[in-house]
Amino acid sequence: MLGLAGIAGAFPFPYSWTDSASGTGMPAGNQPQGRAGGENIFYTGSPSPGTVKNVDLAAHTFTIKNRRGEQTFVISPETQLKKGRERLRLDGLQPESKVTVSYWDRNGKKEAGVIKLSK
């Protein structure tokens, strides 16, 4: 039987971390590439399914509607849009698309990691 330390080591990514300079969280080398230190970043752990309500590529945001209401996500340079195994350009994200969004809570904003279009 795995103890708590064994369970934590079984996951390929940390559930949450903070800048190691503050003396808390994971070492800086364990943070994803391109993440600046000093930010509180939390992986949500549960993808959010819904229907795209609107997309604003100029503002780098999109909004989905689902049973939780409306959720707005930030599009970052690391955000990926996929349909099956195919990676698409972000301008392929259109209103009324059925999607599932995996995201990070980064300083109170939902930053999209992977947006999966329904087949």
C-alpha atoms as a PDB file:
ATOM      1  CA  MET A   1       0.000   0.000   0.000  1.00  0.00           C
ATOM      2  CA  LEU A   2       1.286   3.458  -0.926  1.00  0.00           C
ATOM      3  CA  GLY A   3       1.663   6.091   1.733  1.00  0.00           C
ATOM      4  CA  LEU A   4       0.813   9.709   1.028  1.00  0.00           C
ATOM      5  CA  ALA A   5       4.330  10.385  -0.280  1.00  0.00           C
ATOM      6  CA  GLY A   6       4.057   7.411  -2.668  1.00  0.00           C
ATOM      7  CA  ILE A   7       0.734   8.647  -4.016  1.00  0.00           C
ATOM      8  CA  ALA A   8       2.049  12.171  -4.597  1.00  0.00           C
ATOM      9  CA  GLY A   9       5.046  10.762  -6.476  1.00  0.00           C
ATOM     10  CA  ALA A  10       2.783   8.695  -8.752  1.00  0.00           C
ATOM     11  CA  PHE A  11       1.420  11.754 -10.566  1.00  0.00           C
ATOM     12  CA  PRO A  12       3.434  13.155 -13.509  1.00  0.00           C
ATOM     13  CA  PHE A  13       2.735  16.782 -12.486  1.00  0.00           C
ATOM     14  CA  PRO A  14       2.278  18.685  -9.270  1.00  0.00           C
ATOM     15  CA  TYR A  15      -1.239  19.579  -8.201  1.00  0.00           C
ATOM     16  CA  SER A  16      -0.080  23.061  -7.235  1.00  0.00           C
ATOM     17  CA  TRP A  17       3.072  25.015  -6.679  1.00  0.00           C
ATOM     18  CA  THR A  18       4.358  28.465  -5.911  1.00  0.00           C
ATOM     19  CA  ASP A  19       7.648  30.211  -6.461  1.00  0.00           C
ATOM     20  CA  SER A  20      10.382  28.396  -4.556  1.00  0.00           C
ATOM     21  CA  ALA A  21      12.025  31.756  -3.757  1.00  0.00           C
ATOM     22  CA  SER A  22       9.239  32.353  -1.265  1.00  0.00           C
ATOM     23  CA  GLY A  23      10.211  29.173   0.546  1.00  0.00           C
ATOM     24  CA  THR A  24       7.026  27.304  -0.343  1.00  0.00           C
ATOM     25  CA  GLY A  25       5.985  24.997  -3.118  1.00  0.00           C
ATOM     26  CA  MET A  26       7.948  22.940  -5.588  1.00  0.00           C
ATOM     27  CA  PRO A  27      11.495  23.726  -6.742  1.00  0.00           C
ATOM     28  CA  ALA A  28      11.656  26.089  -9.721  1.00  0.00           C
ATOM     29  CA  GLY A  29      12.977  23.295 -11.979  1.00  0.00           C
ATOM     30  CA  ASN A  30       9.697  21.379 -11.541  1.00  0.00           C
ATOM     31  CA  GLN A  31       7.525  24.204 -12.858  1.00  0.00           C
ATOM     32  CA  PRO A  32       6.289  24.088 -16.466  1.00  0.00           C
ATOM     33  CA  GLN A  33       8.410  25.840 -19.090  1.00  0.00           C
ATOM     34  CA  GLY A  34       7.554  29.484 -19.651  1.00  0.00           C
ATOM     35  CA  ARG A  35       6.025  30.044 -16.199  1.00  0.00           C
ATOM     36  CA  ALA A  36       7.430  33.003 -14.335  1.00  0.00           C
ATOM     37  CA  GLY A  37       8.254  32.550 -10.683  1.00  0.00           C
ATOM     38  CA  GLY A  38       6.324  34.384  -8.023  1.00  0.00           C
ATOM     39  CA  GLU A  39       2.894  33.432  -9.355  1.00  0.00           C
ATOM     40  CA  ASN A  40       0.385  31.135  -7.722  1.00  0.00           C
ATOM     41  CA  ILE A  41      -0.566  28.512 -10.302  1.00  0.00           C
ATOM     42  CA  PHE A  42      -2.972  25.652  -9.628  1.00  0.00           C
ATOM     43  CA  TYR A  43      -3.938  22.841 -12.013  1.00  0.00           C
ATOM     44  CA  THR A  44      -7.681  22.424 -11.714  1.00  0.00           C
ATOM     45  CA  GLY A  45      -7.612  18.652 -12.080  1.00  0.00           C
ATOM     46  CA  SER A  46     -11.086  18.547 -13.650  1.00  0.00           C
ATOM     47  CA  PRO A  47     -11.670  19.528 -17.293  1.00  0.00           C
ATOM     48  CA  SER A  48     -14.601  21.821 -17.945  1.00  0.00           C
ATOM     49  CA  PRO A  49     -16.990  20.737 -20.759  1.00  0.00           C
ATOM     50  CA  GLY A  50     -19.339  23.199 -22.457  1.00  0.00           C
ATOM     51  CA  THR A  51     -20.403  25.082 -25.563  1.00  0.00           C
ATOM     52  CA  VAL A  52     -18.374  28.052 -26.799  1.00  0.00           C
ATOM     53  CA  LYS A  53     -20.416  31.224 -26.415  1.00  0.00           C
ATOM     54  CA  ASN A  54     -17.924  33.737 -27.805  1.00  0.00           C
ATOM     55  CA  VAL A  55     -14.281  34.050 -28.839  1.00  0.00           C
ATOM     56  CA  ASP A  56     -12.216  37.253 -28.687  1.00  0.00           C
ATOM     57  CA  LEU A  57      -8.792  36.489 -30.171  1.00  0.00           C
ATOM     58  CA  ALA A  58      -7.758  40.155 -29.876  1.00  0.00           C
ATOM     59  CA  ALA A  59      -8.317  40.034 -26.097  1.00  0.00           C
ATOM     60  CA  HIS A  60      -7.018  36.427 -25.913  1.00  0.00           C
ATOM     61  CA  THR A  61     -10.187  35.126 -24.246  1.00  0.00           C
ATOM     62  CA  PHE A  62     -13.130  32.842 -24.915  1.00  0.00           C
ATOM     63  CA  THR A  63     -16.258  32.019 -22.942  1.00  0.00           C
ATOM     64  CA  ILE A  64     -18.073  28.714 -22.618  1.00  0.00           C
ATOM     65  CA  LYS A  65     -21.506  27.993 -21.208  1.00  0.00           C
ATOM     66  CA  ASN A  66     -22.153  24.837 -19.213  1.00  0.00           C
ATOM     67  CA  ARG A  67     -24.046  23.617 -16.150  1.00  0.00           C
ATOM     68  CA  ARG A  68     -21.829  25.831 -13.955  1.00  0.00           C
ATOM     69  CA  GLY A  69     -22.925  28.914 -15.904  1.00  0.00           C
ATOM     70  CA  GLU A  70     -20.530  30.912 -18.033  1.00  0.00           C
ATOM     71  CA  GLN A  71     -16.770  30.554 -17.678  1.00  0.00           C
ATOM     72  CA  THR A  72     -14.224  32.822 -19.365  1.00  0.00           C
ATOM     73  CA  PHE A  73     -10.746  31.506 -20.126  1.00  0.00           C
ATOM     74  CA  VAL A  74      -7.511  33.253 -21.087  1.00  0.00           C
ATOM     75  CA  ILE A  75      -5.698  32.028 -24.205  1.00  0.00           C
ATOM     76  CA  SER A  76      -1.920  31.947 -23.645  1.00  0.00           C
ATOM     77  CA  PRO A  77       0.935  31.143 -26.050  1.00  0.00           C
ATOM     78  CA  GLU A  78       0.942  27.617 -24.551  1.00  0.00           C
ATOM     79  CA  THR A  79      -2.793  26.996 -25.206  1.00  0.00           C
ATOM     80  CA  GLN A  80      -3.477  24.157 -27.657  1.00  0.00           C
ATOM     81  CA  LEU A  81      -6.641  23.446 -29.665  1.00  0.00           C
ATOM     82  CA  LYS A  82      -7.116  19.773 -30.565  1.00  0.00           C
ATOM     83  CA  LYS A  83      -9.660  17.626 -32.362  1.00  0.00           C
ATOM     84  CA  GLY A  84      -8.802  14.018 -31.657  1.00  0.00           C
ATOM     85  CA  ARG A  85      -5.031  13.787 -32.132  1.00  0.00           C
ATOM     86  CA  GLU A  86      -4.938  16.656 -34.626  1.00  0.00           C
ATOM     87  CA  ARG A  87      -3.642  20.003 -33.396  1.00  0.00           C
ATOM     88  CA  LEU A  88      -5.528  22.969 -34.870  1.00  0.00           C
ATOM     89  CA  ARG A  89      -4.944  26.699 -35.098  1.00  0.00           C
ATOM     90  CA  LEU A  90      -6.681  28.694 -32.373  1.00  0.00           C
ATOM     91  CA  ASP A  91      -8.701  30.612 -34.969  1.00  0.00           C
ATOM     92  CA  GLY A  92     -10.521  27.284 -35.464  1.00  0.00           C
ATOM     93  CA  LEU A  93     -12.310  27.873 -32.155  1.00  0.00           C
ATOM     94  CA  GLN A  94     -15.796  29.049 -33.128  1.00  0.00           C
ATOM     95  CA  PRO A  95     -19.014  29.901 -31.243  1.00  0.00           C
ATOM     96  CA  GLU A  96     -21.355  26.922 -30.761  1.00  0.00           C
ATOM     97  CA  SER A  97     -18.411  24.470 -30.759  1.00  0.00           C
ATOM     98  CA  LYS A  98     -18.654  21.702 -28.145  1.00  0.00           C
ATOM     99  CA  VAL A  99     -15.412  21.694 -26.145  1.00  0.00           C
ATOM    100  CA  THR A 100     -13.712  20.375 -23.039  1.00  0.00           C
ATOM    101  CA  VAL A 101     -11.181  22.771 -21.509  1.00  0.00           C
ATOM    102  CA  SER A 102      -8.293  21.748 -19.261  1.00  0.00           C
ATOM    103  CA  TYR A 103      -7.041  24.840 -17.521  1.00  0.00           C
ATOM    104  CA  TRP A 104      -4.826  26.358 -14.837  1.00  0.00           C
ATOM    105  CA  ASP A 105      -5.983  28.817 -12.233  1.00  0.00           C
ATOM    106  CA  ARG A 106      -3.216  31.393 -12.537  1.00  0.00           C
ATOM    107  CA  ASN A 107      -3.500  34.281 -10.084  1.00  0.00           C
ATOM    108  CA  GLY A 108      -7.280  34.078 -10.160  1.00  0.00           C
ATOM    109  CA  LYS A 109      -7.629  33.781 -13.965  1.00  0.00           C
ATOM    110  CA  LYS A 110      -8.507  30.565 -15.792  1.00  0.00           C
ATOM    111  CA  GLU A 111      -5.747  29.966 -18.339  1.00  0.00           C
ATOM    112  CA  ALA A 112      -6.644  27.371 -20.956  1.00  0.00           C
ATOM    113  CA  GLY A 113      -4.055  24.615 -21.422  1.00  0.00           C
ATOM    114  CA  VAL A 114      -5.756  22.258 -23.890  1.00  0.00           C
ATOM    115  CA  ILE A 115      -9.081  22.877 -25.597  1.00  0.00           C
ATOM    116  CA  LYS A 116     -10.512  19.645 -27.035  1.00  0.00           C
ATOM    117  CA  LEU A 117     -13.175  19.961 -29.727  1.00  0.00           C
ATOM    118  CA  SER A 118     -15.807  17.233 -29.790  1.00  0.00           C
ATOM    119  CA  LYS A 119     -15.536  15.002 -32.829  1.00  0.00           C
END
